[in-house]
Protein backbone atom coordinates (compact mmCIF):
# COMPACT_ATOMS: atom_id res chain seq x y z
CA MET A 1 13.49 -19.25 40.39
CA PHE A 2 10.95 -20.04 37.58
CA PRO A 3 7.38 -18.79 38.38
CA ILE A 4 4.77 -21.47 39.03
CA SER A 5 1.42 -20.82 37.34
CA PRO A 6 -1.39 -20.51 39.96
CA LYS A 7 -3.65 -22.34 37.44
CA THR A 8 -1.26 -25.18 36.67
CA ARG A 9 -2.20 -28.78 37.00
CA TYR A 10 1.36 -29.92 36.12
CA VAL A 11 3.35 -31.69 38.92
CA GLY A 12 6.59 -33.48 37.71
CA ARG A 13 9.32 -35.13 39.56
CA PHE A 14 12.89 -36.43 39.50
CA ALA A 15 13.42 -39.63 41.38
CA PRO A 16 17.03 -40.80 41.46
CA SER A 17 18.30 -43.74 43.38
CA PRO A 18 20.85 -42.67 46.01
CA SER A 19 23.22 -45.46 45.13
CA GLY A 20 25.99 -43.06 43.98
CA PRO A 21 26.47 -39.49 42.59
CA LEU A 22 24.76 -38.16 39.54
CA HIS A 23 26.25 -39.17 36.25
CA ALA A 24 25.64 -38.11 32.64
CA GLY A 25 22.67 -40.48 32.18
CA SER A 26 20.84 -39.37 35.30
CA LEU A 27 21.52 -35.69 34.44
CA VAL A 28 19.76 -36.08 31.11
CA ALA A 29 16.69 -37.42 32.89
CA ALA A 30 16.97 -34.57 35.40
CA VAL A 31 17.30 -31.89 32.74
CA ALA A 32 14.42 -33.18 30.70
CA SER A 33 12.04 -33.50 33.63
CA TYR A 34 12.99 -30.10 35.03
CA LEU A 35 12.54 -28.34 31.67
CA ASP A 36 9.27 -29.95 31.03
CA ALA A 37 7.98 -28.91 34.37
CA ARG A 38 9.13 -25.35 34.10
CA VAL A 39 7.86 -24.89 30.56
CA HIS A 40 4.41 -25.71 31.86
CA GLY A 41 4.77 -23.42 34.80
CA GLY A 42 4.44 -26.46 37.03
CA ARG A 43 6.08 -27.80 40.19
CA TRP A 44 9.17 -30.02 40.00
CA LEU A 45 9.56 -32.41 43.12
CA LEU A 46 12.51 -34.47 44.15
CA ARG A 47 12.14 -38.04 45.63
CA MET A 48 14.92 -40.36 46.75
CA GLU A 49 14.05 -43.89 45.62
CA ASP A 50 15.88 -45.75 48.27
CA VAL A 51 13.30 -48.49 48.90
CA ASP A 52 16.06 -50.99 48.04
CA GLN A 53 18.28 -50.34 51.08
CA THR A 54 20.88 -52.75 49.75
CA ARG A 55 21.84 -50.31 47.08
CA ARG A 56 21.78 -47.02 49.23
CA VAL A 57 25.14 -45.33 49.55
CA VAL A 58 25.61 -43.21 52.71
CA GLY A 59 25.89 -39.60 51.66
CA ALA A 60 24.73 -40.14 47.99
CA ALA A 61 21.35 -38.35 48.57
CA ASP A 62 22.99 -35.33 50.00
CA ALA A 63 25.48 -35.30 47.03
CA ILE A 64 22.66 -35.58 44.50
CA GLU A 65 20.88 -32.68 46.11
CA ALA A 66 24.00 -30.54 46.14
CA SER A 67 24.72 -31.41 42.59
CA LEU A 68 21.22 -30.40 41.33
CA GLN A 69 21.49 -27.06 43.20
CA GLY A 70 24.95 -26.50 41.79
CA LEU A 71 23.57 -26.90 38.35
CA GLY A 72 20.72 -24.49 38.96
CA MET A 73 17.96 -26.91 39.53
CA GLN A 74 15.76 -26.21 42.57
CA TRP A 75 12.97 -28.42 43.55
CA ASP A 76 9.64 -27.41 45.00
CA GLY A 77 8.73 -28.58 48.50
CA PRO A 78 10.40 -31.12 50.74
CA VAL A 79 12.25 -34.08 49.41
CA MET A 80 10.30 -37.42 49.58
CA VAL A 81 12.29 -40.51 50.78
CA GLN A 82 10.93 -43.80 50.04
CA SER A 83 12.61 -45.67 53.03
CA ALA A 84 10.40 -43.53 55.39
CA ARG A 85 7.19 -44.57 53.55
CA THR A 86 7.12 -48.40 54.04
CA GLN A 87 3.72 -48.31 55.87
CA HIS A 88 2.18 -46.70 52.83
CA TYR A 89 3.35 -49.48 50.56
CA ALA A 90 1.99 -52.03 53.06
CA LEU A 91 -1.43 -50.42 53.11
CA ALA A 92 -1.50 -50.27 49.27
CA CYS A 93 -0.62 -53.99 49.14
CA GLN A 94 -3.38 -54.77 51.70
CA ALA A 95 -5.86 -52.93 49.32
CA LEU A 96 -4.82 -55.30 46.62
CA THR A 97 -5.29 -58.55 48.60
CA GLN A 98 -7.66 -60.11 46.06
CA HIS A 99 -5.03 -59.76 43.30
CA VAL A 100 -1.95 -60.79 45.38
CA TYR A 101 -0.60 -64.20 46.17
CA GLY A 102 2.43 -65.63 47.83
CA CYS A 103 5.12 -67.08 45.73
CA ALA A 104 7.65 -69.67 46.96
CA CYS A 105 9.77 -69.85 43.80
CA SER A 106 13.64 -69.04 43.93
CA ARG A 107 15.24 -67.05 41.20
CA ARG A 108 16.76 -70.24 39.87
CA GLU A 109 13.36 -72.07 39.76
CA ILE A 110 11.89 -69.07 37.82
CA SER A 111 14.86 -68.94 35.48
CA ASP A 112 14.49 -72.57 34.77
CA SER A 113 10.78 -72.51 33.89
CA ARG A 114 10.38 -68.90 32.77
CA LEU A 115 8.03 -68.03 29.92
CA GLY A 116 10.62 -65.81 28.31
CA LEU A 117 12.35 -62.49 29.03
CA ALA A 118 10.71 -59.19 29.39
CA THR A 119 12.06 -56.12 27.41
CA ASP A 120 14.04 -55.13 30.47
CA GLY A 121 15.68 -58.48 30.64
CA ALA A 122 13.75 -59.85 33.67
CA ASP A 123 12.41 -63.47 33.67
CA ILE A 124 8.65 -63.60 32.90
CA TYR A 125 7.13 -65.47 35.75
CA PRO A 126 5.26 -68.76 34.56
CA GLY A 127 2.63 -68.66 37.37
CA THR A 128 3.86 -71.58 39.30
CA CYS A 129 2.29 -70.39 42.61
CA ARG A 130 -0.80 -68.89 41.13
CA ALA A 131 -3.17 -71.59 42.33
CA GLY A 132 -1.55 -71.95 45.79
CA LEU A 133 1.75 -72.99 47.22
CA ALA A 134 2.95 -76.62 46.97
CA PRO A 135 2.90 -78.67 50.24
CA GLY A 136 5.75 -77.78 52.41
CA LYS A 137 6.59 -74.56 50.66
CA GLN A 138 6.61 -71.12 52.19
CA ALA A 139 6.03 -67.78 50.49
CA ARG A 140 9.20 -65.87 49.70
CA THR A 141 7.50 -62.95 47.74
CA LEU A 142 4.22 -61.44 47.13
CA ARG A 143 3.11 -61.21 43.49
CA LEU A 144 0.39 -59.35 41.67
CA ARG A 145 -1.77 -61.43 39.46
CA VAL A 146 -2.07 -59.85 35.96
CA PRO A 147 -5.10 -60.42 33.65
CA GLU A 148 -5.27 -63.69 31.81
CA PRO A 149 -5.53 -63.72 28.09
CA GLY A 150 -9.04 -62.97 27.02
CA GLN A 151 -9.81 -60.64 29.88
CA ALA A 152 -10.62 -57.05 29.02
CA GLU A 153 -7.57 -55.65 30.75
CA GLU A 154 -4.98 -57.96 29.28
CA TRP A 155 -3.45 -55.20 27.04
CA VAL A 156 -2.32 -51.82 28.56
CA SER A 157 -1.95 -49.05 26.08
CA PHE A 158 -0.68 -45.47 26.44
CA ASN A 159 0.80 -42.68 24.41
CA ASP A 160 4.33 -41.82 25.19
CA ARG A 161 4.97 -38.11 24.68
CA TRP A 162 8.38 -38.84 23.13
CA LEU A 163 8.04 -42.32 21.65
CA GLY A 164 4.39 -42.30 20.65
CA PRO A 165 1.72 -45.08 21.04
CA GLN A 166 2.80 -48.03 23.29
CA SER A 167 1.01 -51.25 24.11
CA GLN A 168 1.90 -54.20 26.28
CA HIS A 169 0.24 -57.55 26.85
CA LEU A 170 0.87 -57.96 30.69
CA ALA A 171 0.58 -61.75 30.89
CA ARG A 172 3.01 -62.47 27.82
CA GLU A 173 5.36 -59.59 28.16
CA ALA A 174 5.63 -59.02 31.98
CA GLY A 175 3.83 -61.75 33.88
CA ASP A 176 2.70 -61.70 37.49
CA PHE A 177 5.14 -59.34 39.14
CA VAL A 178 6.70 -58.87 42.52
CA LEU A 179 5.19 -56.38 45.06
CA ARG A 180 7.32 -57.54 48.10
CA ARG A 181 10.66 -59.01 47.48
CA ALA A 182 12.20 -62.21 49.29
CA ASP A 183 14.43 -59.89 51.32
CA GLY A 184 11.37 -58.12 52.76
CA PHE A 185 11.80 -54.77 50.75
CA TRP A 186 8.84 -53.41 48.90
CA ALA A 187 9.27 -53.58 45.02
CA TYR A 188 9.85 -50.62 42.91
CA GLN A 189 6.65 -51.14 40.93
CA LEU A 190 4.48 -50.68 43.94
CA ALA A 191 6.52 -47.92 45.59
CA VAL A 192 6.79 -45.74 42.58
CA VAL A 193 2.88 -45.99 41.95
CA VAL A 194 2.06 -45.18 45.61
CA ASP A 195 4.55 -42.26 45.71
CA ASP A 196 3.43 -40.74 42.40
CA ALA A 197 -0.11 -40.71 43.71
CA ALA A 198 0.91 -39.29 47.09
CA GLN A 199 2.84 -36.46 45.46
CA GLY A 200 -0.03 -35.63 42.87
CA ILE A 201 2.28 -36.35 39.93
CA THR A 202 0.69 -35.45 36.70
CA HIS A 203 3.61 -35.94 34.32
CA VAL A 204 6.42 -38.44 34.48
CA VAL A 205 9.65 -37.72 32.50
CA ARG A 206 12.34 -40.36 32.83
CA GLY A 207 14.73 -42.65 31.02
CA GLU A 208 13.66 -45.07 28.31
CA ASP A 209 14.87 -47.96 30.37
CA LEU A 210 11.73 -47.58 32.45
CA LEU A 211 9.36 -47.66 29.45
CA ASP A 212 8.81 -51.51 30.02
CA SER A 213 7.63 -50.86 33.61
CA THR A 214 4.99 -48.36 32.61
CA ALA A 215 2.22 -50.73 31.73
CA ARG A 216 2.61 -52.53 35.03
CA GLN A 217 2.41 -49.18 36.74
CA ILE A 218 -0.66 -48.09 34.85
CA TYR A 219 -2.31 -51.50 35.71
CA LEU A 220 -1.47 -50.95 39.37
CA GLN A 221 -2.91 -47.31 39.33
CA GLY A 222 -6.14 -48.77 37.92
CA LEU A 223 -6.45 -51.30 40.73
CA LEU A 224 -5.67 -48.79 43.38
CA GLY A 225 -7.95 -46.08 41.97
CA TYR A 226 -5.13 -43.74 41.29
CA PRO A 227 -5.00 -41.38 38.25
CA THR A 228 -2.53 -42.09 35.56
CA PRO A 229 0.08 -39.44 34.71
CA ALA A 230 1.22 -38.58 31.26
CA TYR A 231 4.53 -40.38 30.44
CA LEU A 232 7.56 -39.30 28.50
CA HIS A 233 10.70 -41.55 28.19
CA VAL A 234 13.85 -39.80 26.88
CA PRO A 235 16.70 -41.82 25.11
CA LEU A 236 19.37 -43.37 27.37
CA VAL A 237 23.06 -42.29 27.49
CA ARG A 238 25.06 -45.35 26.66
CA HIS A 239 28.67 -46.60 26.77
CA SER A 240 30.50 -47.09 23.49
CA ASP A 241 29.52 -50.81 23.64
CA GLY A 242 25.89 -49.73 23.66
CA GLU A 243 25.35 -50.66 27.35
CA LYS A 244 23.28 -48.29 29.45
CA LEU A 245 25.37 -45.82 31.32
CA SER A 246 24.70 -46.51 35.02
CA LYS A 247 26.25 -46.45 38.48
CA GLN A 248 26.41 -50.24 38.39
CA ASN A 249 28.65 -50.46 35.34
CA GLY A 250 31.05 -47.75 36.40
CA ALA A 251 29.53 -44.42 35.17
CA GLU A 252 31.73 -41.59 35.96
CA PRO A 253 30.37 -38.93 38.42
CA LEU A 254 29.67 -35.43 36.77
CA ALA A 255 32.48 -32.97 36.63
CA LEU A 256 30.66 -30.43 38.63
CA THR A 257 33.61 -28.01 38.27
CA GLN A 258 32.42 -27.52 34.64
CA PRO A 259 28.70 -27.01 35.12
CA LEU A 260 27.99 -25.26 31.80
CA THR A 261 29.88 -27.98 29.89
CA ILE A 262 27.84 -30.88 31.34
CA LEU A 263 24.61 -28.97 31.06
CA HIS A 264 25.27 -28.21 27.32
CA GLU A 265 26.21 -31.86 26.79
CA ALA A 266 22.89 -32.97 28.34
CA ALA A 267 20.96 -30.46 26.19
CA ALA A 268 22.80 -31.59 22.98
CA PHE A 269 21.99 -35.24 23.73
CA LEU A 270 18.28 -34.27 24.14
CA GLY A 271 18.45 -32.60 20.72
CA LEU A 272 18.01 -28.99 22.09
CA GLN A 273 19.22 -26.33 19.55
CA MET A 274 21.03 -23.70 21.77
CA THR A 275 23.83 -21.24 21.56
CA THR A 276 26.61 -21.46 24.18
CA ALA A 277 25.42 -19.89 27.39
CA THR A 278 27.73 -17.56 29.48
CA SER A 279 26.30 -18.67 32.84
CA VAL A 280 24.08 -21.38 34.38
CA ALA A 281 21.25 -18.85 34.75
CA VAL A 282 21.49 -17.97 31.08
CA PHE A 283 21.64 -21.71 30.17
CA TRP A 284 18.22 -22.31 31.77
CA GLU A 285 16.73 -19.07 30.12
CA GLN A 286 17.84 -20.52 26.71
CA ALA A 287 16.89 -24.11 27.46
CA LEU A 288 13.26 -23.38 28.15
CA PRO A 289 12.33 -22.31 24.60
CA ALA A 290 14.80 -24.85 23.19
CA TRP A 291 12.75 -27.57 25.05
CA GLN A 292 9.48 -26.18 23.70
CA ARG A 293 10.84 -26.33 20.17
CA ARG A 294 12.16 -29.84 20.71
CA MET A 295 8.71 -31.02 22.03
CA ALA A 296 6.84 -29.42 19.09
CA SER A 297 9.04 -31.31 16.66
CA LEU A 298 8.00 -34.62 18.07
CA PRO A 299 4.77 -36.06 16.56
CA ALA A 300 4.05 -37.91 19.78
CA SER A 301 4.07 -34.80 22.02
CA VAL A 302 0.87 -33.74 23.74
């Protein structure tokens, strides 16, 4: 066990989706978040982001927990499970009533009239239902109204500890985004903001694929009166064709019979300079100062 400083204000987390076992990409995010928490003498929490029940695979959450423990990563406190917290998302949405409106648009309609594509590939909503639903239409989703051009909050800026200064124009680059989906499930953007606040998260370390979501989450935090964590987005592990490695595109499960091999591969991907460890325990002892050196080499790190 790594000691937790009694004076620390650092609380980090790893929040996988239990849609399958850990793979090399998710391991990189887990290793980075774990090391950053332990280097700061902080707490490292585990959250199962299963708010989208259509993607949940039975037994995957248990498999992820077993994999983390087998690789020497132990979380602090109970595991948070999103599917048990829907009432909290509903209360948060209720608190946002003046910023929320019902949207009747189908995916096809949005695609046909979109303002463009966000960095993450999502259609930018054109605001069709902003002024109210057309006669005979019923709301399918709930959307959050983002600031219009010219308003003080139209730009959201933050310093990413790995990538440096970031800025996003919400209306042009994201658009009014969904808080509750057409299938009735609460959207990721709302759930992650509510859960980070509930767990007292001070530092978020995750994959670069979620960089585009950060401005929306910071905007939501402001509306709800939540503190904004520090963010760090690590590079993504990709297939040979450049596509992000994920469960959806056939990423292979980790070879847990060779824990040192896969841990060293994750460390090498993160640019950690280490000698080959003789055990999992020795790996973590060596990885802590290696992470400190790596972070010190990044101009963006704070």
